[in-house]
Amino acid sequence: SVLIWSYLQLAILGCSAALSPTYSVYCIFRFLCGMAVSGIIINGVSL
C-alpha cells in the first residue's frame, strides 16, 4: 500500500515541479519527490 502511494506521489508532484514559478516552490516539490523516492526504494526492496 505504501509503495503504491509513493508511485502516485512521485508522478503527481514530480510533474508539478516542472511548473514551479519560483525557486522556493521548486525546492518544496523536490523535497516531496524525495520522500516518494524513499518510499519506493525501501518498500520495493523489502517486497
ModelCIF file with pLDDT and N, C-alpha, C, O atoms, coordinates in Angstrom:
data_MODEL
#
_entry.id   MODEL 
#
_entity.id                         1 
_entity.type                       polymer 
_entity.pdbx_number_of_molecules   1 
#
_entity_poly.entity_id                      1 
_entity_poly.type                           'polypeptide(L)' 
_entity_poly.nstd_linkage                   no 
_entity_poly.nstd_monomer                   no 
_entity_poly.pdbx_seq_one_letter_code       SVLIWSYLQLAILGCSAALSPTYSVYCIFRFLCGMAVSGIIINGVSL 
_entity_poly.pdbx_seq_one_letter_code_can   SVLIWSYLQLAILGCSAALSPTYSVYCIFRFLCGMAVSGIIINGVSL 
_entity_poly.pdbx_strand_id                 A 
#
loop_
_entity_poly_seq.entity_id 
_entity_poly_seq.num 
_entity_poly_seq.mon_id 
_entity_poly_seq.hetero 
1 1  SER n 
1 2  VAL n 
1 3  LEU n 
1 4  ILE n 
1 5  TRP n 
1 6  SER n 
1 7  TYR n 
1 8  LEU n 
1 9  GLN n 
1 10 LEU n 
1 11 ALA n 
1 12 ILE n 
1 13 LEU n 
1 14 GLY n 
1 15 CYS n 
1 16 SER n 
1 17 ALA n 
1 18 ALA n 
1 19 LEU n 
1 20 SER n 
1 21 PRO n 
1 22 THR n 
1 23 TYR n 
1 24 SER n 
1 25 VAL n 
1 26 TYR n 
1 27 CYS n 
1 28 ILE n 
1 29 PHE n 
1 30 ARG n 
1 31 PHE n 
1 32 LEU n 
1 33 CYS n 
1 34 GLY n 
1 35 MET n 
1 36 ALA n 
1 37 VAL n 
1 38 SER n 
1 39 GLY n 
1 40 ILE n 
1 41 ILE n 
1 42 ILE n 
1 43 ASN n 
1 44 GLY n 
1 45 VAL n 
1 46 SER n 
1 47 LEU n 
#
_struct_asym.id          A 
_struct_asym.entity_id   1 
#
loop_
_ma_qa_metric.id 
_ma_qa_metric.mode 
_ma_qa_metric.name 
_ma_qa_metric.software_group_id 
_ma_qa_metric.type 
1 global pLDDT . pLDDT 
2 local  pLDDT . pLDDT 
#
_ma_qa_metric_global.metric_id      1 
_ma_qa_metric_global.metric_value   91.94 
_ma_qa_metric_global.model_id       1 
_ma_qa_metric_global.ordinal_id     1 
#
loop_
_ma_qa_metric_local.label_asym_id 
_ma_qa_metric_local.label_comp_id 
_ma_qa_metric_local.label_seq_id 
_ma_qa_metric_local.metric_id 
_ma_qa_metric_local.metric_value 
_ma_qa_metric_local.model_id 
_ma_qa_metric_local.ordinal_id 
A SER 1  2 90.00 1 1  
A VAL 2  2 92.00 1 2  
A LEU 3  2 93.00 1 3  
A ILE 4  2 94.00 1 4  
A TRP 5  2 94.00 1 5  
A SER 6  2 94.00 1 6  
A TYR 7  2 95.00 1 7  
A LEU 8  2 95.00 1 8  
A GLN 9  2 95.00 1 9  
A LEU 10 2 95.00 1 10 
A ALA 11 2 95.00 1 11 
A ILE 12 2 95.00 1 12 
A LEU 13 2 95.00 1 13 
A GLY 14 2 93.00 1 14 
A CYS 15 2 94.00 1 15 
A SER 16 2 94.00 1 16 
A ALA 17 2 94.00 1 17 
A ALA 18 2 92.00 1 18 
A LEU 19 2 92.00 1 19 
A SER 20 2 91.00 1 20 
A PRO 21 2 92.00 1 21 
A THR 22 2 92.00 1 22 
A TYR 23 2 92.00 1 23 
A SER 24 2 92.00 1 24 
A VAL 25 2 94.00 1 25 
A TYR 26 2 94.00 1 26 
A CYS 27 2 93.00 1 27 
A ILE 28 2 95.00 1 28 
A PHE 29 2 95.00 1 29 
A ARG 30 2 93.00 1 30 
A PHE 31 2 95.00 1 31 
A LEU 32 2 95.00 1 32 
A CYS 33 2 94.00 1 33 
A GLY 34 2 92.00 1 34 
A MET 35 2 93.00 1 35 
A ALA 36 2 94.00 1 36 
A VAL 37 2 93.00 1 37 
A SER 38 2 89.00 1 38 
A GLY 39 2 90.00 1 39 
A ILE 40 2 92.00 1 40 
A ILE 41 2 87.00 1 41 
A ILE 42 2 83.00 1 42 
A ASN 43 2 87.00 1 43 
A GLY 44 2 87.00 1 44 
A VAL 45 2 81.00 1 45 
A SER 46 2 80.00 1 46 
A LEU 47 2 85.00 1 47 
#
loop_
_atom_site.group_PDB 
_atom_site.id 
_atom_site.type_symbol 
_atom_site.label_atom_id 
_atom_site.label_alt_id 
_atom_site.label_comp_id 
_atom_site.label_asym_id 
_atom_site.label_entity_id 
_atom_site.label_seq_id 
_atom_site.pdbx_PDB_ins_code 
_atom_site.Cartn_x 
_atom_site.Cartn_y 
_atom_site.Cartn_z 
_atom_site.occupancy 
_atom_site.B_iso_or_equiv 
_atom_site.pdbx_formal_charge 
_atom_site.auth_seq_id 
_atom_site.auth_comp_id 
_atom_site.auth_asym_id 
_atom_site.auth_atom_id 
_atom_site.pdbx_PDB_model_num 
ATOM 1   N N  . SER A 1 1  ? 0.818  -1.209 0.000   1.00 90.00 ? 1  SER A N  1 
ATOM 2   C CA . SER A 1 1  ? 0.000  0.000  0.000   1.00 90.00 ? 1  SER A CA 1 
ATOM 3   C C  . SER A 1 1  ? 0.853  1.262  0.000   1.00 90.00 ? 1  SER A C  1 
ATOM 4   O O  . SER A 1 1  ? 0.537  2.224  -0.700  1.00 90.00 ? 1  SER A O  1 
ATOM 5   N N  . VAL A 1 2  ? 1.941  1.265  0.786   1.00 92.00 ? 2  VAL A N  1 
ATOM 6   C CA . VAL A 1 2  ? 2.807  2.439  0.833   1.00 92.00 ? 2  VAL A CA 1 
ATOM 7   C C  . VAL A 1 2  ? 3.571  2.587  -0.478  1.00 92.00 ? 2  VAL A C  1 
ATOM 8   O O  . VAL A 1 2  ? 3.817  3.706  -0.929  1.00 92.00 ? 2  VAL A O  1 
ATOM 9   N N  . LEU A 1 3  ? 3.947  1.469  -1.093  1.00 93.00 ? 3  LEU A N  1 
ATOM 10  C CA . LEU A 1 3  ? 4.637  1.518  -2.383  1.00 93.00 ? 3  LEU A CA 1 
ATOM 11  C C  . LEU A 1 3  ? 3.738  2.117  -3.458  1.00 93.00 ? 3  LEU A C  1 
ATOM 12  O O  . LEU A 1 3  ? 4.177  2.948  -4.253  1.00 93.00 ? 3  LEU A O  1 
ATOM 13  N N  . ILE A 1 4  ? 2.480  1.692  -3.478  1.00 94.00 ? 4  ILE A N  1 
ATOM 14  C CA . ILE A 1 4  ? 1.532  2.224  -4.464  1.00 94.00 ? 4  ILE A CA 1 
ATOM 15  C C  . ILE A 1 4  ? 1.369  3.736  -4.287  1.00 94.00 ? 4  ILE A C  1 
ATOM 16  O O  . ILE A 1 4  ? 1.387  4.484  -5.264  1.00 94.00 ? 4  ILE A O  1 
ATOM 17  N N  . TRP A 1 5  ? 1.213  4.175  -3.051  1.00 94.00 ? 5  TRP A N  1 
ATOM 18  C CA . TRP A 1 5  ? 1.068  5.606  -2.782  1.00 94.00 ? 5  TRP A CA 1 
ATOM 19  C C  . TRP A 1 5  ? 2.311  6.381  -3.225  1.00 94.00 ? 5  TRP A C  1 
ATOM 20  O O  . TRP A 1 5  ? 2.196  7.474  -3.780  1.00 94.00 ? 5  TRP A O  1 
ATOM 21  N N  . SER A 1 6  ? 3.490  5.821  -2.982  1.00 94.00 ? 6  SER A N  1 
ATOM 22  C CA . SER A 1 6  ? 4.740  6.505  -3.327  1.00 94.00 ? 6  SER A CA 1 
ATOM 23  C C  . SER A 1 6  ? 4.854  6.728  -4.826  1.00 94.00 ? 6  SER A C  1 
ATOM 24  O O  . SER A 1 6  ? 5.327  7.778  -5.260  1.00 94.00 ? 6  SER A O  1 
ATOM 25  N N  . TYR A 1 7  ? 4.423  5.741  -5.634  1.00 95.00 ? 7  TYR A N  1 
ATOM 26  C CA . TYR A 1 7  ? 4.427  5.921  -7.092  1.00 95.00 ? 7  TYR A CA 1 
ATOM 27  C C  . TYR A 1 7  ? 3.559  7.116  -7.483  1.00 95.00 ? 7  TYR A C  1 
ATOM 28  O O  . TYR A 1 7  ? 3.969  7.959  -8.281  1.00 95.00 ? 7  TYR A O  1 
ATOM 29  N N  . LEU A 1 8  ? 2.367  7.177  -6.915  1.00 95.00 ? 8  LEU A N  1 
ATOM 30  C CA . LEU A 1 8  ? 1.439  8.249  -7.262  1.00 95.00 ? 8  LEU A CA 1 
ATOM 31  C C  . LEU A 1 8  ? 1.977  9.607  -6.817  1.00 95.00 ? 8  LEU A C  1 
ATOM 32  O O  . LEU A 1 8  ? 1.866  10.593 -7.545  1.00 95.00 ? 8  LEU A O  1 
ATOM 33  N N  . GLN A 1 9  ? 2.554  9.655  -5.629  1.00 95.00 ? 9  GLN A N  1 
ATOM 34  C CA . GLN A 1 9  ? 3.094  10.917 -5.116  1.00 95.00 ? 9  GLN A CA 1 
ATOM 35  C C  . GLN A 1 9  ? 4.214  11.442 -6.002  1.00 95.00 ? 9  GLN A C  1 
ATOM 36  O O  . GLN A 1 9  ? 4.264  12.634 -6.304  1.00 95.00 ? 9  GLN A O  1 
ATOM 37  N N  . LEU A 1 10 ? 5.109  10.560 -6.417  1.00 95.00 ? 10 LEU A N  1 
ATOM 38  C CA . LEU A 1 10 ? 6.217  10.991 -7.258  1.00 95.00 ? 10 LEU A CA 1 
ATOM 39  C C  . LEU A 1 10 ? 5.724  11.436 -8.638  1.00 95.00 ? 10 LEU A C  1 
ATOM 40  O O  . LEU A 1 10 ? 6.233  12.407 -9.198  1.00 95.00 ? 10 LEU A O  1 
ATOM 41  N N  . ALA A 1 11 ? 4.739  10.726 -9.181  1.00 95.00 ? 11 ALA A N  1 
ATOM 42  C CA . ALA A 1 11 ? 4.218  11.078 -10.509 1.00 95.00 ? 11 ALA A CA 1 
ATOM 43  C C  . ALA A 1 11 ? 3.586  12.465 -10.497 1.00 95.00 ? 11 ALA A C  1 
ATOM 44  O O  . ALA A 1 11 ? 3.881  13.292 -11.360 1.00 95.00 ? 11 ALA A O  1 
ATOM 45  N N  . ILE A 1 12 ? 2.728  12.718 -9.531  1.00 95.00 ? 12 ILE A N  1 
ATOM 46  C CA . ILE A 1 12 ? 1.991  13.990 -9.496  1.00 95.00 ? 12 ILE A CA 1 
ATOM 47  C C  . ILE A 1 12 ? 2.895  15.154 -9.120  1.00 95.00 ? 12 ILE A C  1 
ATOM 48  O O  . ILE A 1 12 ? 2.932  16.170 -9.815  1.00 95.00 ? 12 ILE A O  1 
ATOM 49  N N  . LEU A 1 13 ? 3.627  15.003 -8.015  1.00 95.00 ? 13 LEU A N  1 
ATOM 50  C CA . LEU A 1 13 ? 4.437  16.117 -7.523  1.00 95.00 ? 13 LEU A CA 1 
ATOM 51  C C  . LEU A 1 13 ? 5.669  16.344 -8.395  1.00 95.00 ? 13 LEU A C  1 
ATOM 52  O O  . LEU A 1 13 ? 6.135  17.476 -8.524  1.00 95.00 ? 13 LEU A O  1 
ATOM 53  N N  . GLY A 1 14 ? 6.202  15.274 -8.996  1.00 93.00 ? 14 GLY A N  1 
ATOM 54  C CA . GLY A 1 14 ? 7.346  15.433 -9.883  1.00 93.00 ? 14 GLY A CA 1 
ATOM 55  C C  . GLY A 1 14 ? 6.990  16.244 -11.116 1.00 93.00 ? 14 GLY A C  1 
ATOM 56  O O  . GLY A 1 14 ? 7.748  17.118 -11.537 1.00 93.00 ? 14 GLY A O  1 
ATOM 57  N N  . CYS A 1 15 ? 5.819  15.946 -11.701 1.00 94.00 ? 15 CYS A N  1 
ATOM 58  C CA . CYS A 1 15 ? 5.374  16.713 -12.863 1.00 94.00 ? 15 CYS A CA 1 
ATOM 59  C C  . CYS A 1 15 ? 5.024  18.141 -12.457 1.00 94.00 ? 15 CYS A C  1 
ATOM 60  O O  . CYS A 1 15 ? 5.250  19.081 -13.220 1.00 94.00 ? 15 CYS A O  1 
ATOM 61  N N  . SER A 1 16 ? 4.472  18.303 -11.257 1.00 94.00 ? 16 SER A N  1 
ATOM 62  C CA . SER A 1 16 ? 4.126  19.642 -10.779 1.00 94.00 ? 16 SER A CA 1 
ATOM 63  C C  . SER A 1 16 ? 5.371  20.497 -10.589 1.00 94.00 ? 16 SER A C  1 
ATOM 64  O O  . SER A 1 16 ? 5.322  21.716 -10.757 1.00 94.00 ? 16 SER A O  1 
ATOM 65  N N  . ALA A 1 17 ? 6.490  19.861 -10.238 1.00 94.00 ? 17 ALA A N  1 
ATOM 66  C CA . ALA A 1 17 ? 7.736  20.603 -10.034 1.00 94.00 ? 17 ALA A CA 1 
ATOM 67  C C  . ALA A 1 17 ? 8.176  21.322 -11.304 1.00 94.00 ? 17 ALA A C  1 
ATOM 68  O O  . ALA A 1 17 ? 8.818  22.370 -11.239 1.00 94.00 ? 17 ALA A O  1 
ATOM 69  N N  . ALA A 1 18 ? 7.830  20.759 -12.457 1.00 92.00 ? 18 ALA A N  1 
ATOM 70  C CA . ALA A 1 18 ? 8.206  21.379 -13.729 1.00 92.00 ? 18 ALA A CA 1 
ATOM 71  C C  . ALA A 1 18 ? 7.469  22.691 -13.975 1.00 92.00 ? 18 ALA A C  1 
ATOM 72  O O  . ALA A 1 18 ? 7.868  23.483 -14.828 1.00 92.00 ? 18 ALA A O  1 
ATOM 73  N N  . LEU A 1 19 ? 6.386  22.917 -13.219 1.00 92.00 ? 19 LEU A N  1 
ATOM 74  C CA . LEU A 1 19 ? 5.606  24.148 -13.374 1.00 92.00 ? 19 LEU A CA 1 
ATOM 75  C C  . LEU A 1 19 ? 5.956  25.185 -12.320 1.00 92.00 ? 19 LEU A C  1 
ATOM 76  O O  . LEU A 1 19 ? 5.284  26.210 -12.209 1.00 92.00 ? 19 LEU A O  1 
ATOM 77  N N  . SER A 1 20 ? 6.992  24.930 -11.552 1.00 91.00 ? 20 SER A N  1 
ATOM 78  C CA . SER A 1 20 ? 7.349  25.816 -10.440 1.00 91.00 ? 20 SER A CA 1 
ATOM 79  C C  . SER A 1 20 ? 7.649  27.226 -10.938 1.00 91.00 ? 20 SER A C  1 
ATOM 80  O O  . SER A 1 20 ? 8.492  27.411 -11.816 1.00 91.00 ? 20 SER A O  1 
ATOM 81  N N  . PRO A 1 21 ? 6.953  28.229 -10.373 1.00 92.00 ? 21 PRO A N  1 
ATOM 82  C CA . PRO A 1 21 ? 7.202  29.611 -10.809 1.00 92.00 ? 21 PRO A CA 1 
ATOM 83  C C  . PRO A 1 21 ? 8.415  30.240 -10.129 1.00 92.00 ? 21 PRO A C  1 
ATOM 84  O O  . PRO A 1 21 ? 8.998  31.193 -10.647 1.00 92.00 ? 21 PRO A O  1 
ATOM 85  N N  . THR A 1 22 ? 8.796  29.701 -8.962  1.00 92.00 ? 22 THR A N  1 
ATOM 86  C CA . THR A 1 22 ? 9.917  30.284 -8.215  1.00 92.00 ? 22 THR A CA 1 
ATOM 87  C C  . THR A 1 22 ? 10.840 29.189 -7.704  1.00 92.00 ? 22 THR A C  1 
ATOM 88  O O  . THR A 1 22 ? 10.497 28.007 -7.704  1.00 92.00 ? 22 THR A O  1 
ATOM 89  N N  . TYR A 1 23 ? 12.005 29.608 -7.275  1.00 92.00 ? 23 TYR A N  1 
ATOM 90  C CA . TYR A 1 23 ? 12.990 28.687 -6.711  1.00 92.00 ? 23 TYR A CA 1 
ATOM 91  C C  . TYR A 1 23 ? 12.450 27.997 -5.464  1.00 92.00 ? 23 TYR A C  1 
ATOM 92  O O  . TYR A 1 23 ? 12.619 26.788 -5.308  1.00 92.00 ? 23 TYR A O  1 
ATOM 93  N N  . SER A 1 24 ? 11.812 28.738 -4.586  1.00 92.00 ? 24 SER A N  1 
ATOM 94  C CA . SER A 1 24 ? 11.307 28.168 -3.334  1.00 92.00 ? 24 SER A CA 1 
ATOM 95  C C  . SER A 1 24 ? 10.255 27.096 -3.588  1.00 92.00 ? 24 SER A C  1 
ATOM 96  O O  . SER A 1 24 ? 10.261 26.052 -2.934  1.00 92.00 ? 24 SER A O  1 
ATOM 97  N N  . VAL A 1 25 ? 9.366  27.342 -4.516  1.00 94.00 ? 25 VAL A N  1 
ATOM 98  C CA . VAL A 1 25 ? 8.324  26.363 -4.844  1.00 94.00 ? 25 VAL A CA 1 
ATOM 99  C C  . VAL A 1 25 ? 8.959  25.094 -5.410  1.00 94.00 ? 25 VAL A C  1 
ATOM 100 O O  . VAL A 1 25 ? 8.545  23.984 -5.075  1.00 94.00 ? 25 VAL A O  1 
ATOM 101 N N  . TYR A 1 26 ? 9.958  25.261 -6.261  1.00 94.00 ? 26 TYR A N  1 
ATOM 102 C CA . TYR A 1 26 ? 10.636 24.089 -6.832  1.00 94.00 ? 26 TYR A CA 1 
ATOM 103 C C  . TYR A 1 26 ? 11.293 23.251 -5.729  1.00 94.00 ? 26 TYR A C  1 
ATOM 104 O O  . TYR A 1 26 ? 11.231 22.022 -5.761  1.00 94.00 ? 26 TYR A O  1 
ATOM 105 N N  . CYS A 1 27 ? 11.912 23.909 -4.767  1.00 93.00 ? 27 CYS A N  1 
ATOM 106 C CA . CYS A 1 27 ? 12.558 23.183 -3.669  1.00 93.00 ? 27 CYS A CA 1 
ATOM 107 C C  . CYS A 1 27 ? 11.543 22.390 -2.852  1.00 93.00 ? 27 CYS A C  1 
ATOM 108 O O  . CYS A 1 27 ? 11.827 21.273 -2.421  1.00 93.00 ? 27 CYS A O  1 
ATOM 109 N N  . ILE A 1 28 ? 10.363 22.965 -2.641  1.00 95.00 ? 28 ILE A N  1 
ATOM 110 C CA . ILE A 1 28 ? 9.316  22.254 -1.896  1.00 95.00 ? 28 ILE A CA 1 
ATOM 111 C C  . ILE A 1 28 ? 8.898  20.990 -2.646  1.00 95.00 ? 28 ILE A C  1 
ATOM 112 O O  . ILE A 1 28 ? 8.770  19.920 -2.050  1.00 95.00 ? 28 ILE A O  1 
ATOM 113 N N  . PHE A 1 29 ? 8.687  21.119 -3.943  1.00 95.00 ? 29 PHE A N  1 
ATOM 114 C CA . PHE A 1 29 ? 8.295  19.950 -4.739  1.00 95.00 ? 29 PHE A CA 1 
ATOM 115 C C  . PHE A 1 29 ? 9.398  18.889 -4.741  1.00 95.00 ? 29 PHE A C  1 
ATOM 116 O O  . PHE A 1 29 ? 9.113  17.694 -4.668  1.00 95.00 ? 29 PHE A O  1 
ATOM 117 N N  . ARG A 1 30 ? 10.657 19.327 -4.824  1.00 93.00 ? 30 ARG A N  1 
ATOM 118 C CA . ARG A 1 30 ? 11.762 18.356 -4.815  1.00 93.00 ? 30 ARG A CA 1 
ATOM 119 C C  . ARG A 1 30 ? 11.846 17.632 -3.476  1.00 93.00 ? 30 ARG A C  1 
ATOM 120 O O  . ARG A 1 30 ? 12.177 16.447 -3.427  1.00 93.00 ? 30 ARG A O  1 
ATOM 121 N N  . PHE A 1 31 ? 11.550 18.336 -2.399  1.00 95.00 ? 31 PHE A N  1 
ATOM 122 C CA . PHE A 1 31 ? 11.530 17.702 -1.076  1.00 95.00 ? 31 PHE A CA 1 
ATOM 123 C C  . PHE A 1 31 ? 10.482 16.594 -1.031  1.00 95.00 ? 31 PHE A C  1 
ATOM 124 O O  . PHE A 1 31 ? 10.756 15.494 -0.551  1.00 95.00 ? 31 PHE A O  1 
ATOM 125 N N  . LEU A 1 32 ? 9.291  16.884 -1.527  1.00 95.00 ? 32 LEU A N  1 
ATOM 126 C CA . LEU A 1 32 ? 8.211  15.897 -1.529  1.00 95.00 ? 32 LEU A CA 1 
ATOM 127 C C  . LEU A 1 32 ? 8.510  14.745 -2.485  1.00 95.00 ? 32 LEU A C  1 
ATOM 128 O O  . LEU A 1 32 ? 8.136  13.603 -2.219  1.00 95.00 ? 32 LEU A O  1 
ATOM 129 N N  . CYS A 1 33 ? 9.182  15.042 -3.594  1.00 94.00 ? 33 CYS A N  1 
ATOM 130 C CA . CYS A 1 33 ? 9.600  13.970 -4.507  1.00 94.00 ? 33 CYS A CA 1 
ATOM 131 C C  . CYS A 1 33 ? 10.609 13.058 -3.823  1.00 94.00 ? 33 CYS A C  1 
ATOM 132 O O  . CYS A 1 33 ? 10.565 11.840 -3.995  1.00 94.00 ? 33 CYS A O  1 
ATOM 133 N N  . GLY A 1 34 ? 11.517 13.643 -3.049  1.00 92.00 ? 34 GLY A N  1 
ATOM 134 C CA . GLY A 1 34 ? 12.493 12.838 -2.316  1.00 92.00 ? 34 GLY A CA 1 
ATOM 135 C C  . GLY A 1 34 ? 11.822 11.885 -1.342  1.00 92.00 ? 34 GLY A C  1 
ATOM 136 O O  . GLY A 1 34 ? 12.256 10.743 -1.193  1.00 92.00 ? 34 GLY A O  1 
ATOM 137 N N  . MET A 1 35 ? 10.767 12.343 -0.678  1.00 93.00 ? 35 MET A N  1 
ATOM 138 C CA . MET A 1 35 ? 10.021 11.463 0.217   1.00 93.00 ? 35 MET A CA 1 
ATOM 139 C C  . MET A 1 35 ? 9.461  10.267 -0.550  1.00 93.00 ? 35 MET A C  1 
ATOM 140 O O  . MET A 1 35 ? 9.552  9.128  -0.092  1.00 93.00 ? 35 MET A O  1 
ATOM 141 N N  . ALA A 1 36 ? 8.884  10.535 -1.719  1.00 94.00 ? 36 ALA A N  1 
ATOM 142 C CA . ALA A 1 36 ? 8.293  9.460  -2.518  1.00 94.00 ? 36 ALA A CA 1 
ATOM 143 C C  . ALA A 1 36 ? 9.353  8.476  -3.003  1.00 94.00 ? 36 ALA A C  1 
ATOM 144 O O  . ALA A 1 36 ? 9.119  7.267  -2.999  1.00 94.00 ? 36 ALA A O  1 
ATOM 145 N N  . VAL A 1 37 ? 10.510 8.976  -3.419  1.00 93.00 ? 37 VAL A N  1 
ATOM 146 C CA . VAL A 1 37 ? 11.595 8.100  -3.862  1.00 93.00 ? 37 VAL A CA 1 
ATOM 147 C C  . VAL A 1 37 ? 12.014 7.157  -2.744  1.00 93.00 ? 37 VAL A C  1 
ATOM 148 O O  . VAL A 1 37 ? 12.263 5.975  -2.979  1.00 93.00 ? 37 VAL A O  1 
ATOM 149 N N  . SER A 1 38 ? 12.090 7.683  -1.529  1.00 89.00 ? 38 SER A N  1 
ATOM 150 C CA . SER A 1 38 ? 12.454 6.851  -0.389  1.00 89.00 ? 38 SER A CA 1 
ATOM 151 C C  . SER A 1 38 ? 11.418 5.749  -0.162  1.00 89.00 ? 38 SER A C  1 
ATOM 152 O O  . SER A 1 38 ? 11.769 4.600  0.104   1.00 89.00 ? 38 SER A O  1 
ATOM 153 N N  . GLY A 1 39 ? 10.140 6.113  -0.269  1.00 90.00 ? 39 GLY A N  1 
ATOM 154 C CA . GLY A 1 39 ? 9.088  5.113  -0.102  1.00 90.00 ? 39 GLY A CA 1 
ATOM 155 C C  . GLY A 1 39 ? 9.154  4.018  -1.150  1.00 90.00 ? 39 GLY A C  1 
ATOM 156 O O  . GLY A 1 39 ? 8.901  2.852  -0.847  1.00 90.00 ? 39 GLY A O  1 
ATOM 157 N N  . ILE A 1 40 ? 9.494  4.384  -2.385  1.00 92.00 ? 40 ILE A N  1 
ATOM 158 C CA . ILE A 1 40 ? 9.599  3.401  -3.466  1.00 92.00 ? 40 ILE A CA 1 
ATOM 159 C C  . ILE A 1 40 ? 10.771 2.450  -3.221  1.00 92.00 ? 40 ILE A C  1 
ATOM 160 O O  . ILE A 1 40 ? 10.638 1.238  -3.388  1.00 92.00 ? 40 ILE A O  1 
ATOM 161 N N  . ILE A 1 41 ? 11.905 3.001  -2.830  1.00 87.00 ? 41 ILE A N  1 
ATOM 162 C CA . ILE A 1 41 ? 13.110 2.177  -2.682  1.00 87.00 ? 41 ILE A CA 1 
ATOM 163 C C  . ILE A 1 41 ? 12.982 1.187  -1.533  1.00 87.00 ? 41 ILE A C  1 
ATOM 164 O O  . ILE A 1 41 ? 13.191 -0.011 -1.723  1.00 87.00 ? 41 ILE A O  1 
ATOM 165 N N  . ILE A 1 42 ? 12.639 1.677  -0.332  1.00 83.00 ? 42 ILE A N  1 
ATOM 166 C CA . ILE A 1 42 ? 12.650 0.786  0.833   1.00 83.00 ? 42 ILE A CA 1 
ATOM 167 C C  . ILE A 1 42 ? 11.541 -0.254 0.758   1.00 83.00 ? 42 ILE A C  1 
ATOM 168 O O  . ILE A 1 42 ? 11.725 -1.382 1.214   1.00 83.00 ? 42 ILE A O  1 
ATOM 169 N N  . ASN A 1 43 ? 10.389 0.108  0.189   1.00 87.00 ? 43 ASN A N  1 
ATOM 170 C CA . ASN A 1 43 ? 9.302  -0.861 0.085   1.00 87.00 ? 43 ASN A CA 1 
ATOM 171 C C  . ASN A 1 43 ? 9.515  -1.813 -1.074  1.00 87.00 ? 43 ASN A C  1 
ATOM 172 O O  . ASN A 1 43 ? 9.146  -2.985 -0.996  1.00 87.00 ? 43 ASN A O  1 
ATOM 173 N N  . GLY A 1 44 ? 10.114 -1.313 -2.159  1.00 87.00 ? 44 GLY A N  1 
ATOM 174 C CA . GLY A 1 44 ? 10.413 -2.195 -3.281  1.00 87.00 ? 44 GLY A CA 1 
ATOM 175 C C  . GLY A 1 44 ? 11.413 -3.267 -2.912  1.00 87.00 ? 44 GLY A C  1 
ATOM 176 O O  . GLY A 1 44 ? 11.240 -4.430 -3.277  1.00 87.00 ? 44 GLY A O  1 
ATOM 177 N N  . VAL A 1 45 ? 12.472 -2.885 -2.184  1.00 81.00 ? 45 VAL A N  1 
ATOM 178 C CA . VAL A 1 45 ? 13.490 -3.848 -1.760  1.00 81.00 ? 45 VAL A CA 1 
ATOM 179 C C  . VAL A 1 45 ? 12.879 -4.917 -0.867  1.00 81.00 ? 45 VAL A C  1 
ATOM 180 O O  . VAL A 1 45 ? 13.116 -6.107 -1.075  1.00 81.00 ? 45 VAL A O  1 
ATOM 181 N N  . SER A 1 46 ? 12.092 -4.501 0.130   1.00 80.00 ? 46 SER A N  1 
ATOM 182 C CA . SER A 1 46 ? 11.518 -5.474 1.066   1.00 80.00 ? 46 SER A CA 1 
ATOM 183 C C  . SER A 1 46 ? 10.488 -6.371 0.395   1.00 80.00 ? 46 SER A C  1 
ATOM 184 O O  . SER A 1 46 ? 10.444 -7.575 0.649   1.00 80.00 ? 46 SER A O  1 
ATOM 185 N N  . LEU A 1 47 ? 9.659  -5.782 -0.462  1.00 85.00 ? 47 LEU A N  1 
ATOM 186 C CA . LEU A 1 47 ? 8.625  -6.587 -1.105  1.00 85.00 ? 47 LEU A CA 1 
ATOM 187 C C  . LEU A 1 47 ? 9.238  -7.625 -2.033  1.00 85.00 ? 47 LEU A C  1 
ATOM 188 O O  . LEU A 1 47 ? 8.513  -8.396 -2.662  1.00 85.00 ? 47 LEU A O  1 
#
